Amino acid sequence: MNNHNLGGRLWSVLILFGLVGQIAWSVENMYFNLFIYNTITKSTSSVTLMVQLSGIVATFTTLIAGILTDKAGNRKHFISIGYLLWGLLTLSFAFISKENTSNWFQISDTTQIINLTITIVITLDCIMTAFGSTANDAAFNAYITDNTGNARSLAEGVLSAMPLVAMLIVAGGFGMIVTALGYPGLFVSVGTMMSLSGIIGLWLIKDNPNLEKQNTNFVSDISYGFRWSVITNHRKLYLYFFAMGIYGIASQIYMPYLIIYMQEYLQFDVIQYSIVLACVILGASIITIFLGKSFDGKNKDKLLIYFSILYILGMLSLYIMSKTIDLKMKTQTMWFTTITSLILITGFVQVLALLGAQIRDNTPAENTGKLQGIRMIFFVLIPMYIGPMIGETINERTNLTYIDPVNGLTAHVPSPEIFLFGAIFCFLIFIPISLLFRGKQT
């Protein structure tokens, strides 16, 4: 494409699969953590382990699947069939509970039941993530790069708003499903929606006519993005990857614990944190869509500096608010949490959009699939391994605990310091940005 417009079919694919994919990831990132924390064990360490293993699986799956989509010269079937199976696996979580574990394996010891149930959840989550990464991270991302051309920042702006819209739908609509039908109702609803979208994709998606099969060596394809010659020849691309890794780690320090933090530290009930999230997400979505098209043709590196500063200020403001406000004043706490979170989430999404657009712009078209796995190393693997580990350490060191009334064990409460350390770590993003500016001057 050589213009700044997207056709009707492409818009439909972008919105449907972008939104449904992000709803799926939002359910995993928001409610799987709560599912473990609220129904199995009050342990943030279990959440940390699940996030880390999921990141590892997502990265290696994307690395392999991205190459396979190149070799097959096909994104359509990887997306459609992947979404179908991704949905079926999500639906299967409706059958997981401590009671079912006890019945299935004929055990009665509480500790054994909890440990085995967590093992089942994490194992199934990793399998589900493999299909999700194949369909979304590898095939769908490559499809967007194939087809958006000069409208890439517009597409990236819309795609960057999708996590917010998805969070709004999940926190609002699916939050009500959890309240009414419990977690099984949530998993059945989301899984069914994902599988139906996969079926629709078989008719809706059309691959770029210029996409051709690549008869290349598989081992060579896997090693492609790790070669020093490729890194040096695509210096800008790898600096953006580096920036994405720093941004991702900073975000993952607090993100897995965000709703648990609102529930346990701020003492919000489901309705209260749903209202806060809805206001924040709606506001940030409007800002993101409004700014999306205006990024095309602008100096994205300068914008990246501005929004990185905004993101850091957002994390710092949420930390300061949490430490200074009287948490007993619920209305005031909700207002200040909404304002500071809006600053944080707006910065979060704009940095993601700008980095995503720059990565797509600097990805060589002939090797798009091969580099999806490298993107995931910096976007998912490194952040989702290191970030939650830092966050969990902070939660344990601040020693905010309570006794879980269900099993009598000590449970850690996510502390405001996760936002402070996220902000501090995010300052490192200015290292690759400064190198990018230095490269333009030489």
Protein backbone atom coordinates (compact mmCIF):
# COMPACT_ATOMS: atom_id res chain seq x y z
CA MET A 1 0.00 0.00 0.00
CA ASN A 2 1.24 3.43 -0.88
CA ASN A 3 -1.24 5.63 0.90
CA HIS A 4 -2.40 6.39 4.38
CA ASN A 5 -5.72 4.55 4.03
CA LEU A 6 -6.73 1.05 5.00
CA GLY A 7 -9.35 -0.84 2.97
CA GLY A 8 -12.60 -2.10 4.47
CA ARG A 9 -11.54 -5.75 4.62
CA LEU A 10 -8.22 -4.86 6.21
CA TRP A 11 -9.97 -2.63 8.75
CA SER A 12 -12.28 -5.53 9.61
CA VAL A 13 -9.40 -7.96 10.09
CA LEU A 14 -7.39 -5.41 12.09
CA ILE A 15 -10.27 -4.56 14.42
CA LEU A 16 -11.72 -8.07 14.84
CA PHE A 17 -8.51 -10.00 15.40
CA GLY A 18 -6.71 -7.12 17.09
CA LEU A 19 -9.54 -6.68 19.58
CA VAL A 20 -10.35 -10.36 20.17
CA GLY A 21 -6.65 -11.17 20.58
CA GLN A 22 -6.21 -8.39 23.11
CA ILE A 23 -9.35 -9.47 24.98
CA ALA A 24 -7.80 -12.92 25.24
CA TRP A 25 -4.47 -11.53 26.49
CA SER A 26 -6.30 -9.17 28.89
CA VAL A 27 -8.25 -12.06 30.38
CA GLU A 28 -4.97 -13.93 30.80
CA ASN A 29 -3.10 -10.93 32.24
CA MET A 30 -5.93 -9.67 34.46
CA TYR A 31 -8.19 -12.56 35.41
CA PHE A 32 -5.87 -15.55 35.30
CA ASN A 33 -3.83 -13.82 38.00
CA LEU A 34 -6.98 -13.09 39.99
CA PHE A 35 -8.26 -16.61 39.28
CA ILE A 36 -5.19 -18.09 40.97
CA TYR A 37 -5.07 -15.46 43.73
CA ASN A 38 -8.78 -15.56 44.64
CA THR A 39 -9.75 -19.21 44.07
CA ILE A 40 -6.60 -21.30 44.54
CA THR A 41 -3.99 -19.59 46.75
CA LYS A 42 -3.19 -16.05 47.90
CA SER A 43 0.30 -16.28 46.44
CA THR A 44 1.82 -13.65 44.18
CA SER A 45 4.78 -16.00 43.63
CA SER A 46 2.46 -18.37 41.71
CA VAL A 47 1.38 -15.43 39.56
CA THR A 48 5.03 -14.52 38.95
CA LEU A 49 5.91 -18.08 37.88
CA MET A 50 2.96 -18.27 35.49
CA VAL A 51 3.87 -14.95 33.87
CA GLN A 52 7.51 -15.97 33.47
CA LEU A 53 6.80 -19.38 31.94
CA SER A 54 4.13 -17.92 29.68
CA GLY A 55 6.67 -15.38 28.40
CA ILE A 56 9.20 -18.10 27.63
CA VAL A 57 6.64 -20.21 25.74
CA ALA A 58 5.29 -17.19 23.85
CA THR A 59 8.76 -16.18 22.65
CA PHE A 60 9.97 -19.54 21.42
CA THR A 61 6.61 -20.32 19.83
CA THR A 62 6.63 -17.01 17.96
CA LEU A 63 10.23 -17.55 16.84
CA ILE A 64 9.31 -20.88 15.24
CA ALA A 65 5.79 -19.99 14.05
CA GLY A 66 6.95 -16.74 12.44
CA ILE A 67 9.42 -18.69 10.31
CA LEU A 68 6.76 -21.28 9.42
CA THR A 69 4.38 -18.56 8.17
CA ASP A 70 7.17 -17.26 5.93
CA LYS A 71 7.99 -20.73 4.61
CA ALA A 72 4.31 -21.50 4.00
CA GLY A 73 3.67 -18.10 2.41
CA ASN A 74 0.49 -18.04 4.44
CA ARG A 75 -0.70 -16.00 7.42
CA LYS A 76 -4.46 -16.63 7.00
CA HIS A 77 -4.65 -20.23 8.21
CA PHE A 78 -2.17 -19.70 11.05
CA ILE A 79 -4.38 -16.85 12.31
CA SER A 80 -7.76 -18.53 11.80
CA ILE A 81 -7.00 -22.04 13.03
CA GLY A 82 -4.79 -20.62 15.78
CA TYR A 83 -7.63 -18.45 17.13
CA LEU A 84 -10.02 -21.41 16.96
CA LEU A 85 -7.76 -23.65 19.07
CA TRP A 86 -6.72 -20.75 21.34
CA GLY A 87 -10.40 -20.25 22.18
CA LEU A 88 -11.04 -23.93 22.89
CA LEU A 89 -8.11 -24.04 25.32
CA THR A 90 -9.29 -20.87 27.06
CA LEU A 91 -12.75 -22.43 27.45
CA SER A 92 -11.19 -25.50 29.11
CA PHE A 93 -10.16 -23.40 32.11
CA ALA A 94 -13.84 -23.41 33.13
CA PHE A 95 -13.33 -26.95 34.42
CA ILE A 96 -10.35 -26.19 36.67
CA SER A 97 -10.94 -25.85 40.41
CA LYS A 98 -9.54 -27.23 43.64
CA GLU A 99 -12.68 -29.33 44.02
CA ASN A 100 -12.27 -30.91 40.59
CA THR A 101 -8.58 -31.55 41.24
CA SER A 102 -9.49 -33.35 44.44
CA ASN A 103 -12.10 -35.47 42.62
CA TRP A 104 -9.98 -36.20 39.54
CA PHE A 105 -6.88 -37.32 41.45
CA GLN A 106 -8.59 -38.63 44.59
CA ILE A 107 -6.54 -36.56 47.02
CA SER A 108 -7.66 -34.74 50.15
CA ASP A 109 -4.52 -33.00 51.45
CA THR A 110 -5.08 -29.24 51.05
CA THR A 111 -1.45 -28.43 50.18
CA GLN A 112 -1.31 -31.18 47.54
CA ILE A 113 -4.59 -30.00 46.02
CA ILE A 114 -3.37 -26.38 45.81
CA ASN A 115 0.01 -27.30 44.33
CA LEU A 116 -1.48 -29.68 41.77
CA THR A 117 -4.19 -27.20 40.76
CA ILE A 118 -1.57 -24.48 40.25
CA THR A 119 0.49 -26.91 38.16
CA ILE A 120 -2.54 -27.69 35.99
CA VAL A 121 -3.33 -23.98 35.52
CA ILE A 122 0.24 -23.04 34.61
CA THR A 123 0.70 -26.03 32.26
CA LEU A 124 -2.57 -25.36 30.45
CA ASP A 125 -1.74 -21.65 30.32
CA CYS A 126 1.56 -22.43 28.58
CA ILE A 127 -0.18 -24.65 26.00
CA MET A 128 -2.82 -21.97 25.43
CA THR A 129 -0.11 -19.33 25.09
CA ALA A 130 1.59 -21.40 22.40
CA PHE A 131 -1.52 -21.29 20.21
CA GLY A 132 -2.13 -17.64 21.03
CA SER A 133 1.41 -16.65 20.13
CA THR A 134 1.25 -18.59 16.87
CA ALA A 135 -2.02 -16.93 15.87
CA ASN A 136 -1.51 -13.43 17.22
CA ASP A 137 2.15 -12.65 17.89
CA ALA A 138 3.56 -14.47 14.87
CA ALA A 139 0.91 -14.65 12.13
CA PHE A 140 -1.30 -11.62 12.86
CA ASN A 141 1.63 -9.28 13.53
CA ALA A 142 3.35 -10.38 10.34
CA TYR A 143 0.05 -9.94 8.46
CA ILE A 144 -0.23 -6.33 9.70
CA THR A 145 3.36 -5.60 8.65
CA ASP A 146 2.65 -7.15 5.22
CA ASN A 147 -0.43 -5.06 4.54
CA THR A 148 -0.30 -1.64 6.21
CA GLY A 149 2.49 0.11 4.27
CA ASN A 150 2.50 3.90 4.72
CA ALA A 151 -0.57 3.74 6.97
CA ARG A 152 1.49 1.88 9.56
CA SER A 153 1.32 4.50 12.33
CA LEU A 154 -2.45 4.76 11.86
CA ALA A 155 -2.75 0.98 12.12
CA GLU A 156 -0.32 0.88 15.06
CA GLY A 157 -2.24 3.63 16.85
CA VAL A 158 -5.48 1.67 16.49
CA LEU A 159 -3.79 -1.58 17.52
CA SER A 160 -2.24 0.16 20.53
CA ALA A 161 -5.71 1.28 21.62
CA MET A 162 -6.95 -2.32 21.43
CA PRO A 163 -5.39 -3.39 24.77
CA LEU A 164 -7.23 -0.50 26.40
CA VAL A 165 -10.54 -1.26 24.73
CA ALA A 166 -10.04 -4.93 25.60
CA MET A 167 -9.29 -4.06 29.24
CA LEU A 168 -12.45 -1.92 29.30
CA ILE A 169 -14.54 -4.79 27.94
CA VAL A 170 -12.88 -7.34 30.23
CA ALA A 171 -12.99 -5.20 33.39
CA GLY A 172 -16.54 -4.04 32.66
CA GLY A 173 -18.56 -6.55 30.70
CA PHE A 174 -16.63 -9.69 31.58
CA GLY A 175 -16.23 -8.41 35.13
CA MET A 176 -20.00 -8.60 35.43
CA ILE A 177 -19.90 -12.13 34.04
CA VAL A 178 -17.42 -13.10 36.77
CA THR A 179 -19.71 -11.54 39.40
CA ALA A 180 -22.79 -13.33 38.04
CA LEU A 181 -21.42 -16.67 36.80
CA GLY A 182 -17.97 -16.92 38.34
CA TYR A 183 -14.72 -17.61 36.50
CA PRO A 184 -16.16 -20.58 34.53
CA GLY A 185 -18.67 -18.21 32.90
CA LEU A 186 -15.80 -15.87 31.95
CA PHE A 187 -13.69 -18.62 30.38
CA VAL A 188 -16.61 -20.09 28.41
CA SER A 189 -17.66 -16.65 27.09
CA VAL A 190 -14.16 -15.58 26.04
CA GLY A 191 -13.20 -18.97 24.62
CA THR A 192 -16.36 -19.18 22.51
CA MET A 193 -15.82 -15.65 21.14
CA MET A 194 -12.21 -16.45 20.19
CA SER A 195 -13.09 -19.68 18.41
CA LEU A 196 -15.90 -18.02 16.45
CA SER A 197 -13.51 -15.28 15.30
CA GLY A 198 -11.14 -17.98 14.04
CA ILE A 199 -13.94 -19.50 11.96
CA ILE A 200 -14.85 -16.06 10.57
CA GLY A 201 -11.20 -15.53 9.64
CA LEU A 202 -11.30 -18.43 7.17
CA TRP A 203 -13.61 -16.28 4.99
CA LEU A 204 -12.50 -12.77 5.96
CA ILE A 205 -8.70 -12.86 5.81
CA LYS A 206 -6.84 -12.56 2.51
CA ASP A 207 -3.06 -12.69 2.46
CA ASN A 208 -1.02 -10.06 0.65
CA PRO A 209 -0.66 -11.16 -3.01
CA ASN A 210 3.07 -10.42 -2.79
CA LEU A 211 3.51 -12.94 0.04
CA GLU A 212 5.34 -15.97 -1.35
CA LYS A 213 6.65 -19.23 0.04
CA GLN A 214 10.27 -19.12 1.14
CA ASN A 215 12.25 -22.28 0.47
CA THR A 216 15.01 -21.54 2.96
CA ASN A 217 16.91 -23.56 5.55
CA PHE A 218 14.96 -23.75 8.83
CA VAL A 219 18.02 -23.67 11.10
CA SER A 220 19.40 -20.73 9.16
CA ASP A 221 16.05 -18.96 9.51
CA ILE A 222 16.03 -19.43 13.29
CA SER A 223 19.56 -18.05 13.61
CA TYR A 224 18.90 -15.17 11.20
CA GLY A 225 17.95 -12.54 13.77
CA PHE A 226 20.86 -13.47 16.05
CA ARG A 227 23.59 -12.95 13.44
CA TRP A 228 25.97 -10.07 14.15
CA SER A 229 25.84 -9.00 10.50
CA VAL A 230 22.02 -8.72 10.68
CA ILE A 231 22.22 -6.74 13.93
CA THR A 232 24.78 -4.28 12.55
CA ASN A 233 22.96 -3.92 9.22
CA HIS A 234 19.71 -3.18 11.03
CA ARG A 235 21.15 -1.14 13.91
CA LYS A 236 18.08 1.07 14.30
CA LEU A 237 15.73 -1.92 14.48
CA TYR A 238 17.72 -3.53 17.28
CA LEU A 239 17.96 -0.27 19.21
CA TYR A 240 14.16 -0.10 19.08
CA PHE A 241 14.08 -3.72 20.28
CA PHE A 242 16.39 -2.70 23.15
CA ALA A 243 14.09 0.21 24.02
CA MET A 244 11.09 -2.13 23.89
CA GLY A 245 12.81 -4.49 26.33
CA ILE A 246 13.45 -1.69 28.84
CA TYR A 247 9.90 -0.39 28.49
CA GLY A 248 8.56 -3.94 28.89
CA ILE A 249 10.54 -4.70 32.05
CA ALA A 250 9.41 -1.41 33.63
CA SER A 251 5.80 -2.27 32.80
CA GLN A 252 5.97 -5.86 34.02
CA ILE A 253 7.29 -4.77 37.41
CA TYR A 254 3.78 -3.61 38.27
CA MET A 255 1.38 -4.82 35.56
CA PRO A 256 0.80 -8.44 36.75
CA TYR A 257 -0.13 -7.14 40.20
CA LEU A 258 -2.15 -4.06 39.20
CA ILE A 259 -5.67 -5.31 39.96
CA ILE A 260 -4.50 -7.30 42.98
CA TYR A 261 -2.93 -4.04 44.21
CA MET A 262 -6.22 -2.20 43.76
CA GLN A 263 -8.08 -5.01 45.50
CA GLU A 264 -5.73 -5.58 48.42
CA TYR A 265 -3.79 -2.32 48.98
CA LEU A 266 -6.36 0.30 47.95
CA GLN A 267 -9.15 -1.94 49.28
CA PHE A 268 -11.37 -1.44 46.20
CA ASP A 269 -14.18 -3.90 45.64
CA VAL A 270 -14.98 -5.26 42.14
CA ILE A 271 -17.35 -2.39 41.32
CA GLN A 272 -14.90 0.28 42.50
CA TYR A 273 -11.84 -0.92 40.58
CA SER A 274 -14.02 -1.65 37.53
CA ILE A 275 -15.23 1.98 37.55
CA VAL A 276 -11.65 3.27 37.88
CA LEU A 277 -10.38 1.01 35.09
CA ALA A 278 -13.32 1.88 32.84
CA CYS A 279 -12.71 5.64 33.20
CA VAL A 280 -8.96 5.29 32.70
CA ILE A 281 -9.20 2.96 29.73
CA LEU A 282 -11.94 4.94 28.00
CA GLY A 283 -10.01 8.19 28.41
CA ALA A 284 -6.71 6.71 27.24
CA SER A 285 -8.42 4.99 24.28
CA ILE A 286 -9.89 8.28 23.05
CA ILE A 287 -6.50 9.98 23.37
CA THR A 288 -4.73 7.12 21.58
CA ILE A 289 -7.11 6.95 18.61
CA PHE A 290 -7.07 10.76 18.32
CA LEU A 291 -3.26 10.84 18.22
CA GLY A 292 -2.76 7.71 16.09
CA LYS A 293 -2.97 9.13 12.57
CA SER A 294 -1.16 12.35 13.54
CA PHE A 295 2.03 10.35 14.22
CA ASP A 296 2.51 9.56 10.52
CA GLY A 297 5.18 11.83 9.06
CA LYS A 298 6.23 13.17 12.49
CA ASN A 299 9.56 12.68 14.26
CA LYS A 300 8.57 9.58 16.22
CA ASP A 301 11.83 9.52 18.19
CA LYS A 302 11.11 12.94 19.67
CA LEU A 303 7.55 11.86 20.44
CA LEU A 304 9.00 8.74 22.07
CA ILE A 305 11.00 10.95 24.45
CA TYR A 306 7.95 13.02 25.38
CA PHE A 307 5.69 10.06 26.03
CA SER A 308 8.41 8.13 27.91
CA ILE A 309 8.62 11.11 30.27
CA LEU A 310 4.82 11.10 30.58
CA TYR A 311 4.86 7.37 31.34
CA ILE A 312 7.50 7.82 34.05
CA LEU A 313 5.53 10.70 35.56
CA GLY A 314 2.41 8.52 35.55
CA MET A 315 4.11 5.76 37.53
CA LEU A 316 5.62 8.26 39.98
CA SER A 317 2.30 10.05 40.47
CA LEU A 318 0.49 6.79 41.25
CA TYR A 319 3.19 5.89 43.76
CA ILE A 320 3.06 9.30 45.47
CA MET A 321 -0.74 9.25 45.55
CA SER A 322 -0.78 5.78 47.12
CA LYS A 323 1.67 6.80 49.85
CA THR A 324 0.05 10.13 50.78
CA ILE A 325 -3.73 9.77 50.42
CA ASP A 326 -6.08 8.64 53.18
CA LEU A 327 -7.25 5.27 51.83
CA LYS A 328 -10.33 5.37 54.06
CA MET A 329 -11.73 8.18 51.90
CA LYS A 330 -12.86 5.89 49.07
CA THR A 331 -14.36 8.48 46.72
CA GLN A 332 -11.27 10.68 46.92
CA THR A 333 -9.00 7.66 46.50
CA MET A 334 -10.93 6.55 43.41
CA TRP A 335 -10.68 10.03 41.86
CA PHE A 336 -6.93 10.37 42.43
CA THR A 337 -6.30 6.77 41.31
CA THR A 338 -8.22 7.48 38.11
CA ILE A 339 -6.29 10.69 37.34
CA THR A 340 -2.82 9.25 38.05
CA SER A 341 -3.64 5.99 36.26
CA LEU A 342 -4.84 7.91 33.20
CA ILE A 343 -1.44 9.64 32.99
CA LEU A 344 0.30 6.27 33.41
CA ILE A 345 -1.81 4.34 30.89
CA THR A 346 -1.70 7.12 28.28
CA GLY A 347 2.11 7.11 28.45
CA PHE A 348 2.14 3.30 28.47
CA VAL A 349 0.08 3.03 25.28
CA GLN A 350 1.74 5.88 23.37
CA VAL A 351 5.24 4.51 24.02
CA LEU A 352 4.02 1.08 22.89
CA ALA A 353 2.46 2.56 19.73
CA LEU A 354 5.56 4.54 18.80
CA LEU A 355 7.96 1.68 19.41
CA GLY A 356 5.66 -0.71 17.54
CA ALA A 357 5.45 1.61 14.52
CA GLN A 358 9.22 2.15 14.45
CA ILE A 359 9.89 -1.58 14.71
CA ARG A 360 7.51 -2.30 11.81
CA ASP A 361 9.00 0.54 9.73
CA ASN A 362 12.51 -0.81 10.20
CA THR A 363 11.71 -4.51 9.74
CA PRO A 364 12.93 -5.79 6.33
CA ALA A 365 9.83 -6.91 4.42
CA GLU A 366 11.48 -10.05 3.05
CA ASN A 367 12.26 -11.33 6.58
CA THR A 368 9.18 -10.21 8.54
CA GLY A 369 8.32 -13.68 9.89
CA LYS A 370 11.90 -14.49 10.89
CA LEU A 371 12.10 -11.37 13.06
CA GLN A 372 8.81 -11.85 14.95
CA GLY A 373 10.59 -14.15 17.41
CA ILE A 374 13.37 -11.60 17.98
CA ARG A 375 10.69 -8.97 18.62
CA MET A 376 9.12 -11.29 21.18
CA ILE A 377 12.43 -11.79 23.00
CA PHE A 378 12.48 -8.06 23.78
CA PHE A 379 8.71 -7.54 23.94
CA VAL A 380 7.76 -10.60 26.02
CA LEU A 381 10.53 -12.98 27.12
CA ILE A 382 12.94 -10.55 28.80
CA PRO A 383 10.24 -8.26 30.28
CA MET A 384 7.98 -11.08 31.51
CA TYR A 385 10.88 -12.90 33.14
CA ILE A 386 12.74 -10.00 34.73
CA GLY A 387 9.86 -7.58 35.46
CA PRO A 388 7.66 -9.84 37.62
CA MET A 389 10.77 -11.11 39.42
CA ILE A 390 11.60 -7.51 40.42
CA GLY A 391 7.98 -6.85 41.34
CA GLU A 392 7.73 -10.00 43.44
CA THR A 393 10.97 -9.14 45.27
CA ILE A 394 9.63 -5.66 46.03
CA ASN A 395 6.34 -7.09 47.32
CA GLU A 396 8.21 -9.48 49.62
CA ARG A 397 10.73 -6.89 50.88
CA THR A 398 8.09 -4.27 51.74
CA ASN A 399 6.50 -6.95 53.93
CA LEU A 400 2.86 -5.91 53.51
CA THR A 401 1.10 -9.14 54.49
CA TYR A 402 -2.09 -10.58 55.87
CA ILE A 403 -3.29 -14.04 56.85
CA ASP A 404 -5.34 -15.77 54.18
CA PRO A 405 -8.58 -16.81 55.94
CA VAL A 406 -8.99 -19.80 53.60
CA ASN A 407 -5.77 -21.67 54.33
CA GLY A 408 -4.13 -19.65 57.13
CA LEU A 409 -1.02 -18.89 55.06
CA THR A 410 0.75 -15.53 54.90
CA ALA A 411 -0.13 -13.61 51.74
CA HIS A 412 1.85 -10.70 50.29
CA VAL A 413 0.05 -7.52 49.26
CA PRO A 414 1.44 -5.71 46.17
CA SER A 415 2.93 -2.43 47.40
CA PRO A 416 3.10 1.06 45.81
CA GLU A 417 6.88 0.66 45.46
CA ILE A 418 6.30 -1.43 42.33
CA PHE A 419 5.36 1.81 40.54
CA LEU A 420 8.39 3.65 41.91
CA PHE A 421 10.81 0.99 40.72
CA GLY A 422 8.99 0.76 37.39
CA ALA A 423 9.57 4.50 36.90
CA ILE A 424 13.23 4.26 37.91
CA PHE A 425 13.87 1.38 35.51
CA CYS A 426 12.07 3.16 32.68
CA PHE A 427 14.71 5.94 32.77
CA LEU A 428 17.02 3.45 31.03
CA ILE A 429 14.95 3.81 27.86
CA PHE A 430 16.80 7.06 27.14
CA ILE A 431 20.01 5.06 26.48
CA PRO A 432 18.84 3.49 23.19
CA ILE A 433 16.93 6.67 22.27
CA SER A 434 20.12 8.74 22.67
CA LEU A 435 22.02 6.24 20.51
CA LEU A 436 19.35 6.59 17.83
CA PHE A 437 19.77 10.37 17.81
CA ARG A 438 23.56 10.00 17.76
CA GLY A 439 23.27 7.69 14.77
CA LYS A 440 21.28 10.33 12.86
CA GLN A 441 24.02 12.89 13.42
CA THR A 442 26.84 10.69 12.09
